[in-house]
Amino acid sequence: MSAKELDRVEVMGRVKAGALRLVEAAEMLGLSCRQGKRVWARYRVGGGEALAHRGCCRESNRGYGQDFRVQVIGGRALGGGGWASGQCGDLAAVVAGGWPQEAAAA
């Protein structure tokens, strides 16, 4: 969990214990009263784990699978042209400008 999420768990725990009112907790967290109620509802149902970002530890919908990444990097590293064959030394240049063969062909 991030520091922000841990702060939310700690503050919502104080609300549960009765040491803080929900409005005060929302102010402490920099939330509106309405958003504080939403966070409190999630905390009541699922505890501290419910306040963790729900996209955490998930693969991106736009990302490529691990098999594809290994295949691409493996192909470049095995002499398919690219950083392992000595044609490009800086990975940032590859990302910015494409592989050297592609630049020469264009």
C-alpha atoms as a PDB file:
ATOM      1  CA  MET A   1       0.000   0.000   0.000  1.00  0.00           C
ATOM      2  CA  SER A   2       1.107   3.536  -0.637  1.00  0.00           C
ATOM      3  CA  ALA A   3       1.630   6.060   2.139  1.00  0.00           C
ATOM      4  CA  LYS A   4      -1.587   7.817   1.134  1.00  0.00           C
ATOM      5  CA  GLU A   5      -3.566   4.592   1.436  1.00  0.00           C
ATOM      6  CA  LEU A   6      -1.986   3.818   4.805  1.00  0.00           C
ATOM      7  CA  ASP A   7      -2.980   7.295   6.030  1.00  0.00           C
ATOM      8  CA  ARG A   8      -6.561   6.593   4.985  1.00  0.00           C
ATOM      9  CA  VAL A   9      -6.563   3.285   6.876  1.00  0.00           C
ATOM     10  CA  GLU A  10      -5.187   4.951  10.014  1.00  0.00           C
ATOM     11  CA  VAL A  11      -7.680   7.829   9.907  1.00  0.00           C
ATOM     12  CA  MET A  12     -10.646   5.551   9.194  1.00  0.00           C
ATOM     13  CA  GLY A  13      -9.573   3.388  12.118  1.00  0.00           C
ATOM     14  CA  ARG A  14      -9.788   6.467  14.330  1.00  0.00           C
ATOM     15  CA  VAL A  15     -13.289   7.148  12.978  1.00  0.00           C
ATOM     16  CA  LYS A  16     -14.283   3.575  13.806  1.00  0.00           C
ATOM     17  CA  ALA A  17     -12.892   3.945  17.330  1.00  0.00           C
ATOM     18  CA  GLY A  18     -14.912   7.124  17.805  1.00  0.00           C
ATOM     19  CA  ALA A  19     -11.912   9.413  18.191  1.00  0.00           C
ATOM     20  CA  LEU A  20     -12.773  11.378  15.026  1.00  0.00           C
ATOM     21  CA  ARG A  21     -15.931  12.414  13.268  1.00  0.00           C
ATOM     22  CA  LEU A  22     -16.214  11.543   9.590  1.00  0.00           C
ATOM     23  CA  VAL A  23     -16.215  15.207   8.563  1.00  0.00           C
ATOM     24  CA  GLU A  24     -12.949  15.798  10.452  1.00  0.00           C
ATOM     25  CA  ALA A  25     -11.420  12.683   8.908  1.00  0.00           C
ATOM     26  CA  ALA A  26     -12.344  13.866   5.417  1.00  0.00           C
ATOM     27  CA  GLU A  27     -10.690  17.227   6.101  1.00  0.00           C
ATOM     28  CA  MET A  28      -7.540  15.536   7.396  1.00  0.00           C
ATOM     29  CA  LEU A  29      -7.315  13.444   4.233  1.00  0.00           C
ATOM     30  CA  GLY A  30      -8.045  16.353   1.914  1.00  0.00           C
ATOM     31  CA  LEU A  31     -11.328  14.858   0.747  1.00  0.00           C
ATOM     32  CA  SER A  32     -14.778  16.295   0.331  1.00  0.00           C
ATOM     33  CA  CYS A  33     -17.430  15.162   2.781  1.00  0.00           C
ATOM     34  CA  ARG A  34     -19.074  13.062   0.074  1.00  0.00           C
ATOM     35  CA  GLN A  35     -15.789  11.351  -0.869  1.00  0.00           C
ATOM     36  CA  GLY A  36     -15.082  10.762   2.823  1.00  0.00           C
ATOM     37  CA  LYS A  37     -18.400   8.911   3.074  1.00  0.00           C
ATOM     38  CA  ARG A  38     -17.432   6.744   0.096  1.00  0.00           C
ATOM     39  CA  VAL A  39     -14.063   5.875   1.638  1.00  0.00           C
ATOM     40  CA  TRP A  40     -15.747   5.159   4.982  1.00  0.00           C
ATOM     41  CA  ALA A  41     -18.275   2.840   3.310  1.00  0.00           C
ATOM     42  CA  ARG A  42     -15.484   0.882   1.607  1.00  0.00           C
ATOM     43  CA  TYR A  43     -13.578   0.681   4.905  1.00  0.00           C
ATOM     44  CA  ARG A  44     -16.644  -0.606   6.790  1.00  0.00           C
ATOM     45  CA  VAL A  45     -17.252  -3.375   4.264  1.00  0.00           C
ATOM     46  CA  GLY A  46     -13.701  -4.549   3.600  1.00  0.00           C
ATOM     47  CA  GLY A  47     -11.434  -3.059   6.242  1.00  0.00           C
ATOM     48  CA  GLY A  48      -8.039  -1.609   5.405  1.00  0.00           C
ATOM     49  CA  GLU A  49      -7.521  -3.910   2.399  1.00  0.00           C
ATOM     50  CA  ALA A  50     -10.536  -2.343   0.698  1.00  0.00           C
ATOM     51  CA  LEU A  51      -8.782   1.036   0.635  1.00  0.00           C
ATOM     52  CA  ALA A  52      -5.867  -0.266  -1.445  1.00  0.00           C
ATOM     53  CA  HIS A  53      -5.854   0.744  -5.090  1.00  0.00           C
ATOM     54  CA  ARG A  54      -7.938  -1.825  -6.943  1.00  0.00           C
ATOM     55  CA  GLY A  55      -5.648  -1.898  -9.968  1.00  0.00           C
ATOM     56  CA  CYS A  56      -2.677  -2.900  -7.872  1.00  0.00           C
ATOM     57  CA  CYS A  57      -0.945  -6.141  -8.925  1.00  0.00           C
ATOM     58  CA  ARG A  58      -2.958  -6.452 -12.120  1.00  0.00           C
ATOM     59  CA  GLU A  59      -1.630  -6.565 -15.643  1.00  0.00           C
ATOM     60  CA  SER A  60      -2.456  -3.619 -17.828  1.00  0.00           C
ATOM     61  CA  ASN A  61      -5.214  -4.101 -20.369  1.00  0.00           C
ATOM     62  CA  ARG A  62      -2.933  -2.442 -22.908  1.00  0.00           C
ATOM     63  CA  GLY A  63       0.211  -4.378 -22.061  1.00  0.00           C
ATOM     64  CA  TYR A  64       1.743  -7.299 -23.903  1.00  0.00           C
ATOM     65  CA  GLY A  65       1.995 -10.680 -22.241  1.00  0.00           C
ATOM     66  CA  GLN A  66       5.198 -11.984 -20.680  1.00  0.00           C
ATOM     67  CA  ASP A  67       5.620 -14.606 -23.438  1.00  0.00           C
ATOM     68  CA  PHE A  68       5.570 -11.953 -26.155  1.00  0.00           C
ATOM     69  CA  ARG A  69       8.051  -9.732 -24.287  1.00  0.00           C
ATOM     70  CA  VAL A  70      10.470 -12.620 -23.798  1.00  0.00           C
ATOM     71  CA  GLN A  71      10.162 -13.543 -27.469  1.00  0.00           C
ATOM     72  CA  VAL A  72      10.874  -9.991 -28.644  1.00  0.00           C
ATOM     73  CA  ILE A  73      13.774  -9.340 -26.289  1.00  0.00           C
ATOM     74  CA  GLY A  74      15.147 -12.824 -26.880  1.00  0.00           C
ATOM     75  CA  GLY A  75      15.051 -12.320 -30.655  1.00  0.00           C
ATOM     76  CA  ARG A  76      16.898  -9.018 -30.412  1.00  0.00           C
ATOM     77  CA  ALA A  77      19.459 -10.438 -27.977  1.00  0.00           C
ATOM     78  CA  LEU A  78      20.191 -13.476 -30.159  1.00  0.00           C
ATOM     79  CA  GLY A  79      21.497 -11.480 -33.103  1.00  0.00           C
ATOM     80  CA  GLY A  80      18.292 -10.224 -34.651  1.00  0.00           C
ATOM     81  CA  GLY A  81      19.900  -6.817 -34.676  1.00  0.00           C
ATOM     82  CA  GLY A  82      19.702  -4.442 -31.792  1.00  0.00           C
ATOM     83  CA  TRP A  83      21.417  -3.799 -28.509  1.00  0.00           C
ATOM     84  CA  ALA A  84      23.097  -7.220 -28.114  1.00  0.00           C
ATOM     85  CA  SER A  85      24.739  -7.118 -31.533  1.00  0.00           C
ATOM     86  CA  GLY A  86      26.425  -3.799 -30.710  1.00  0.00           C
ATOM     87  CA  GLN A  87      24.409  -1.733 -33.168  1.00  0.00           C
ATOM     88  CA  CYS A  88      22.827   0.432 -30.537  1.00  0.00           C
ATOM     89  CA  GLY A  89      24.259   1.121 -27.148  1.00  0.00           C
ATOM     90  CA  ASP A  90      21.558   3.222 -25.565  1.00  0.00           C
ATOM     91  CA  LEU A  91      18.141   1.717 -24.881  1.00  0.00           C
ATOM     92  CA  ALA A  92      16.638   5.203 -24.599  1.00  0.00           C
ATOM     93  CA  ALA A  93      17.730   5.919 -28.183  1.00  0.00           C
ATOM     94  CA  VAL A  94      16.057   2.713 -29.317  1.00  0.00           C
ATOM     95  CA  VAL A  95      12.808   3.647 -27.629  1.00  0.00           C
ATOM     96  CA  ALA A  96      12.902   7.181 -29.024  1.00  0.00           C
ATOM     97  CA  GLY A  97      13.999   6.427 -32.561  1.00  0.00           C
ATOM     98  CA  GLY A  98      13.359   2.769 -33.298  1.00  0.00           C
ATOM     99  CA  TRP A  99      15.883   0.071 -34.121  1.00  0.00           C
ATOM    100  CA  PRO A 100      18.924   1.109 -36.196  1.00  0.00           C
ATOM    101  CA  GLN A 101      17.914  -1.107 -39.160  1.00  0.00           C
ATOM    102  CA  GLU A 102      14.541   0.634 -39.335  1.00  0.00           C
ATOM    103  CA  ALA A 103      16.169   4.081 -39.338  1.00  0.00           C
ATOM    104  CA  ALA A 104      18.577   3.074 -42.124  1.00  0.00           C
ATOM    105  CA  ALA A 105      15.800   1.601 -44.267  1.00  0.00           C
ATOM    106  CA  ALA A 106      13.676   4.760 -43.985  1.00  0.00           C
END
